[in-house]
Amino acid sequence: MSGKGDWAKNVWGGFLIGLMTLFVVNIGLMIAAVATSSFARRWLGTWLPDGWTLSWYTSAWKEFQLGHILWVTVEVVFAVVFLALLIGVPAAYTLARRDFWGKRALMLLFLLPLMVPPITYGIPLATVLYQAHLAGTIWGVILANLIPAAPFVILVMTPFVEQIDVNLESAARVFGASTARMFWHVLTPLLAPGILAASLLVLVRTIALFELTFLTAGPDSQTLVVALYYAVFAAGVRAPQSVDAMAMIYMAVTLVWLLIALRFVNPTQLVSRVKEHPQPA
């Protein structure tokens, strides 16, 4: 029996490894095809292009006004990160330190924008923003992206707050520190790893968030992902190599920030709520 069980486990393990390998190879080949096309002079029905050039990147930069689009993307991303931290860190502290009626319902409310597909609440949200004359502006895009970003910061920061011993806060208050001074001088240095983790993850999510930005962006407030969508599907004839070059720029920007996030963020900290020093009863 044990031999059959080991055989079944080996078969299942081999199947999973094969499936994962097929998935990774498929993704790698798609990326390689787009990258090759972005550098190709001509590529028609052959394994490799007839020649190589960087001119498609220059063409994409001018044709799609990537300088302006990248600047708008930077403005939106860093504004969302700043506002999400400004809202999320104090809210996470309150949820971690206080017990009050309706706390579970409030946590569920914070989870909804992360669990529900953005398009389901994006259309009503865009309608409200249009009625408020904010949609089509950069502020409308920032507010739309803030809806899922702030709850994400709260959920990331709550375990970090819970891991801080409350005796440190009590000691600070004994020595006369106000709530603001205690939060700034005691908690903020201890929460720095969590704040960095939340900032980088929100930054990457905001760069990649398409639905809410697409529904609320105007001609002058498009981020890179929305501009890429219009480059592919909008009316008109465009060289595929130019669109592929724009796609590579978008992928490079996202990949750089993702690698930075993985360099500084330990994924186990985002899901673990185990305290090394439990709070006293």
Protein backbone atom coordinates (compact mmCIF):
# COMPACT_ATOMS: atom_id res chain seq x y z
CA MET A 1 0.00 0.00 0.00
CA SER A 2 2.80 2.38 0.88
CA GLY A 3 4.39 1.75 -2.52
CA LYS A 4 1.18 2.68 -4.33
CA GLY A 5 0.80 5.76 -2.16
CA ASP A 6 4.35 6.88 -2.90
CA TRP A 7 3.77 6.26 -6.62
CA ALA A 8 0.59 8.36 -6.59
CA LYS A 9 2.38 11.18 -4.75
CA ASN A 10 5.25 11.10 -7.26
CA VAL A 11 2.83 11.19 -10.18
CA TRP A 12 0.89 14.09 -8.66
CA GLY A 13 4.10 15.97 -7.84
CA GLY A 14 5.41 15.45 -11.36
CA PHE A 15 2.10 16.64 -12.81
CA LEU A 16 2.19 19.83 -10.73
CA ILE A 17 5.82 20.52 -11.64
CA GLY A 18 5.05 19.95 -15.31
CA LEU A 19 2.02 22.24 -15.15
CA MET A 20 4.00 25.00 -13.42
CA THR A 21 6.84 24.61 -15.92
CA LEU A 22 4.39 24.86 -18.84
CA PHE A 23 2.87 28.01 -17.33
CA VAL A 24 6.26 29.68 -16.74
CA VAL A 25 7.53 28.75 -20.21
CA ASN A 26 4.34 30.06 -21.81
CA ILE A 27 4.62 33.40 -19.99
CA GLY A 28 8.32 33.61 -20.82
CA LEU A 29 7.72 32.98 -24.52
CA MET A 30 5.00 35.64 -24.67
CA ILE A 31 7.27 38.21 -23.03
CA ALA A 32 10.14 37.19 -25.32
CA ALA A 33 7.91 37.61 -28.38
CA VAL A 34 6.82 41.12 -27.34
CA ALA A 35 10.41 42.11 -26.45
CA THR A 36 11.73 40.79 -29.77
CA SER A 37 9.02 42.62 -31.71
CA SER A 38 9.83 45.89 -29.94
CA PHE A 39 13.43 45.74 -31.24
CA ALA A 40 12.66 44.31 -34.71
CA ARG A 41 12.95 46.29 -37.93
CA ARG A 42 10.69 43.80 -39.71
CA TRP A 43 9.38 40.48 -38.44
CA LEU A 44 7.15 38.62 -40.85
CA GLY A 45 6.84 34.83 -40.64
CA THR A 46 10.44 34.08 -39.61
CA TRP A 47 11.95 32.82 -36.37
CA LEU A 48 13.98 36.00 -35.94
CA PRO A 49 13.54 39.55 -37.30
CA ASP A 50 15.38 40.85 -40.35
CA GLY A 51 17.20 43.40 -38.21
CA TRP A 52 17.27 45.21 -34.90
CA THR A 53 16.57 48.83 -33.96
CA LEU A 54 15.72 51.10 -31.03
CA SER A 55 13.69 53.47 -33.18
CA TRP A 56 10.36 51.98 -32.08
CA TYR A 57 10.99 53.15 -28.52
CA THR A 58 11.65 56.68 -29.77
CA SER A 59 8.54 56.48 -31.93
CA ALA A 60 6.40 55.23 -29.02
CA TRP A 61 7.74 57.98 -26.75
CA LYS A 62 6.71 60.68 -29.23
CA GLU A 63 3.52 59.10 -30.62
CA PHE A 64 1.98 58.24 -27.24
CA GLN A 65 3.41 61.25 -25.34
CA LEU A 66 5.00 58.95 -22.79
CA GLY A 67 6.82 61.79 -21.03
CA HIS A 68 3.52 63.36 -19.97
CA ILE A 69 1.91 59.98 -19.23
CA LEU A 70 4.80 58.86 -17.02
CA TRP A 71 4.66 62.15 -15.11
CA VAL A 72 0.91 61.74 -14.53
CA THR A 73 1.54 58.16 -13.40
CA VAL A 74 4.16 59.34 -10.91
CA GLU A 75 1.81 62.03 -9.55
CA VAL A 76 -1.09 59.60 -9.15
CA VAL A 77 0.99 56.81 -7.62
CA PHE A 78 2.79 58.89 -5.01
CA ALA A 79 -0.34 60.86 -4.09
CA VAL A 80 -2.22 57.58 -3.55
CA VAL A 81 0.62 56.14 -1.47
CA PHE A 82 0.83 59.27 0.71
CA LEU A 83 -2.93 59.55 1.29
CA ALA A 84 -3.31 55.80 1.87
CA LEU A 85 -0.61 55.91 4.56
CA LEU A 86 -2.11 59.04 6.08
CA ILE A 87 -5.47 57.27 6.42
CA GLY A 88 -4.39 53.67 6.85
CA VAL A 89 -1.71 53.83 9.56
CA PRO A 90 -3.86 55.60 12.22
CA ALA A 91 -6.82 53.39 11.29
CA ALA A 92 -4.69 50.25 11.64
CA TYR A 93 -3.49 51.45 15.06
CA THR A 94 -7.07 52.00 16.19
CA LEU A 95 -8.18 48.57 15.00
CA ALA A 96 -5.20 46.87 16.61
CA ARG A 97 -5.47 48.61 19.98
CA ARG A 98 -9.20 49.18 20.49
CA ASP A 99 -12.17 46.87 20.83
CA PHE A 100 -15.49 48.47 20.00
CA TRP A 101 -18.93 47.52 18.79
CA GLY A 102 -19.04 46.90 15.04
CA LYS A 103 -15.31 46.22 14.69
CA ARG A 104 -15.87 43.00 12.72
CA ALA A 105 -18.33 44.72 10.40
CA LEU A 106 -15.82 47.52 9.84
CA MET A 107 -13.08 45.03 8.99
CA LEU A 108 -15.44 43.36 6.51
CA LEU A 109 -16.11 46.77 4.96
CA PHE A 110 -12.37 47.29 4.52
CA LEU A 111 -12.04 43.87 2.89
CA LEU A 112 -14.77 44.44 0.31
CA PRO A 113 -12.77 46.70 -2.08
CA LEU A 114 -9.99 44.08 -2.06
CA MET A 115 -12.21 41.04 -2.55
CA VAL A 116 -14.82 42.43 -4.96
CA PRO A 117 -13.72 42.97 -8.60
CA PRO A 118 -13.03 46.70 -9.08
CA ILE A 119 -15.41 46.96 -12.04
CA THR A 120 -18.41 46.09 -9.82
CA TYR A 121 -18.03 49.22 -7.70
CA GLY A 122 -16.00 51.20 -10.21
CA ILE A 123 -18.98 52.13 -12.39
CA PRO A 124 -21.09 53.59 -9.51
CA LEU A 125 -17.96 55.28 -8.16
CA ALA A 126 -17.22 56.83 -11.56
CA THR A 127 -20.82 58.02 -11.79
CA VAL A 128 -20.50 59.80 -8.43
CA LEU A 129 -17.18 61.35 -9.45
CA TYR A 130 -18.63 62.59 -12.74
CA GLN A 131 -21.54 64.17 -10.88
CA ALA A 132 -19.03 65.85 -8.56
CA HIS A 133 -17.02 67.06 -11.62
CA LEU A 134 -13.95 65.15 -10.43
CA ALA A 135 -13.88 62.37 -13.01
CA GLY A 136 -11.64 63.18 -15.94
CA THR A 137 -9.20 65.00 -13.65
CA ILE A 138 -6.13 63.74 -11.87
CA TRP A 139 -7.89 64.18 -8.51
CA GLY A 140 -10.66 61.87 -9.62
CA VAL A 141 -8.10 59.23 -10.59
CA ILE A 142 -6.36 59.63 -7.21
CA LEU A 143 -9.62 59.27 -5.27
CA ALA A 144 -10.66 56.22 -7.29
CA ASN A 145 -7.34 54.49 -6.68
CA LEU A 146 -7.48 55.41 -3.00
CA ILE A 147 -10.62 53.29 -2.47
CA PRO A 148 -8.75 49.95 -2.55
CA ALA A 149 -5.38 51.39 -1.48
CA ALA A 150 -6.39 52.65 1.99
CA PRO A 151 -7.97 49.33 3.12
CA PHE A 152 -4.92 47.51 1.81
CA VAL A 153 -2.65 49.65 3.98
CA ILE A 154 -4.89 49.00 6.99
CA LEU A 155 -4.75 45.23 6.52
CA VAL A 156 -0.98 45.27 6.00
CA MET A 157 -0.24 47.56 8.95
CA THR A 158 -2.53 45.95 11.57
CA PRO A 159 -0.22 42.94 12.22
CA PHE A 160 2.78 45.27 12.54
CA VAL A 161 0.96 47.36 15.16
CA GLU A 162 -0.13 44.26 17.07
CA GLN A 163 3.48 43.08 17.35
CA ILE A 164 4.53 46.23 19.26
CA ASP A 165 4.42 45.89 23.04
CA VAL A 166 1.84 48.25 24.54
CA ASN A 167 4.18 48.79 27.51
CA LEU A 168 6.31 51.00 25.27
CA GLU A 169 3.33 53.29 24.71
CA SER A 170 2.52 53.28 28.42
CA ALA A 171 6.11 54.23 29.26
CA ALA A 172 6.02 57.10 26.79
CA ARG A 173 2.81 58.42 28.33
CA VAL A 174 4.28 58.13 31.84
CA PHE A 175 7.10 60.43 30.75
CA GLY A 176 4.58 62.99 29.52
CA ALA A 177 4.40 62.27 25.81
CA SER A 178 1.18 63.29 24.12
CA THR A 179 -0.57 60.95 21.71
CA ALA A 180 0.91 62.75 18.71
CA ARG A 181 4.46 62.74 20.11
CA MET A 182 4.16 59.10 21.19
CA PHE A 183 2.93 58.10 17.76
CA TRP A 184 5.66 60.04 15.94
CA HIS A 185 8.67 59.34 18.17
CA VAL A 186 7.88 55.83 19.46
CA LEU A 187 5.54 54.02 17.10
CA THR A 188 6.64 55.39 13.74
CA PRO A 189 10.29 54.16 14.01
CA LEU A 190 9.03 50.72 15.08
CA LEU A 191 6.46 50.67 12.28
CA ALA A 192 8.97 51.76 9.63
CA PRO A 193 9.33 48.25 8.07
CA GLY A 194 5.54 47.92 7.83
CA ILE A 195 5.15 51.43 6.41
CA LEU A 196 7.81 50.69 3.80
CA ALA A 197 6.14 47.38 2.93
CA ALA A 198 2.71 48.97 2.60
CA SER A 199 4.08 51.89 0.55
CA LEU A 200 5.84 49.68 -1.98
CA LEU A 201 2.94 47.27 -2.35
CA VAL A 202 0.40 50.08 -2.79
CA LEU A 203 2.71 51.69 -5.32
CA VAL A 204 2.90 48.50 -7.41
CA ARG A 205 -0.88 47.93 -7.12
CA THR A 206 -1.64 51.49 -8.22
CA ILE A 207 0.64 51.29 -11.26
CA ALA A 208 -1.11 48.09 -12.34
CA LEU A 209 -4.71 49.05 -11.43
CA PHE A 210 -6.57 49.42 -14.70
CA GLU A 211 -10.35 49.35 -14.16
CA LEU A 212 -10.80 52.26 -11.74
CA THR A 213 -8.27 54.43 -13.57
CA PHE A 214 -9.85 53.67 -16.94
CA LEU A 215 -13.33 54.63 -15.68
CA THR A 216 -12.24 57.94 -14.16
CA ALA A 217 -9.30 59.16 -16.27
CA GLY A 218 -9.57 61.90 -18.87
CA PRO A 219 -7.33 62.74 -21.83
CA ASP A 220 -4.83 64.53 -19.57
CA SER A 221 -5.03 62.19 -16.56
CA GLN A 222 -4.25 58.78 -18.04
CA THR A 223 -1.74 56.56 -16.31
CA LEU A 224 0.60 54.27 -18.22
CA VAL A 225 -1.64 51.19 -18.10
CA VAL A 226 -4.66 53.10 -19.49
CA ALA A 227 -2.55 54.71 -22.21
CA LEU A 228 -1.32 51.25 -23.18
CA TYR A 229 -4.92 50.04 -23.49
CA TYR A 230 -5.83 52.95 -25.78
CA ALA A 231 -2.70 52.35 -27.83
CA VAL A 232 -3.84 48.78 -28.51
CA PHE A 233 -7.60 49.19 -28.93
CA ALA A 234 -8.26 52.81 -29.94
CA ALA A 235 -9.17 53.67 -33.51
CA GLY A 236 -6.37 54.23 -35.97
CA VAL A 237 -3.45 52.32 -37.47
CA ARG A 238 -0.33 51.90 -35.36
CA ALA A 239 2.80 49.90 -35.93
CA PRO A 240 2.68 46.80 -33.70
CA GLN A 241 6.37 47.25 -32.86
CA SER A 242 5.60 50.71 -31.44
CA VAL A 243 2.82 49.31 -29.23
CA ASP A 244 5.11 46.47 -28.14
CA ALA A 245 7.77 49.02 -27.20
CA MET A 246 5.25 50.84 -25.04
CA ALA A 247 4.26 47.53 -23.43
CA MET A 248 7.91 46.83 -22.61
CA ILE A 249 8.26 50.25 -21.00
CA TYR A 250 5.20 49.57 -18.86
CA MET A 251 6.47 46.12 -17.89
CA ALA A 252 9.92 47.49 -17.04
CA VAL A 253 8.47 50.22 -14.79
CA THR A 254 6.24 47.74 -12.96
CA LEU A 255 8.96 45.09 -12.69
CA VAL A 256 11.50 47.51 -11.21
CA TRP A 257 9.12 48.57 -8.43
CA LEU A 258 8.04 44.98 -7.84
CA LEU A 259 11.64 43.85 -7.40
CA ILE A 260 12.25 46.75 -5.00
CA ALA A 261 9.15 45.72 -3.03
CA LEU A 262 10.27 42.09 -2.83
CA ARG A 263 13.73 43.25 -1.73
CA PHE A 264 12.35 45.08 1.31
CA VAL A 265 9.12 43.19 2.02
CA ASN A 266 8.95 39.83 3.77
CA PRO A 267 5.67 38.24 2.56
CA THR A 268 5.30 36.23 5.78
CA GLN A 269 4.97 39.47 7.75
CA LEU A 270 1.85 40.37 5.77
CA VAL A 271 -0.08 37.27 6.78
CA SER A 272 1.32 36.40 10.19
CA ARG A 273 -0.46 37.72 13.25
CA VAL A 274 1.57 35.73 15.75
CA LYS A 275 3.04 37.95 18.42
CA GLU A 276 6.39 37.12 19.91
CA HIS A 277 5.41 39.18 22.95
CA PRO A 278 1.67 38.81 23.62
CA GLN A 279 -0.08 41.82 25.04
CA PRO A 280 -0.86 41.57 28.75
CA ALA A 281 -4.48 40.90 29.67
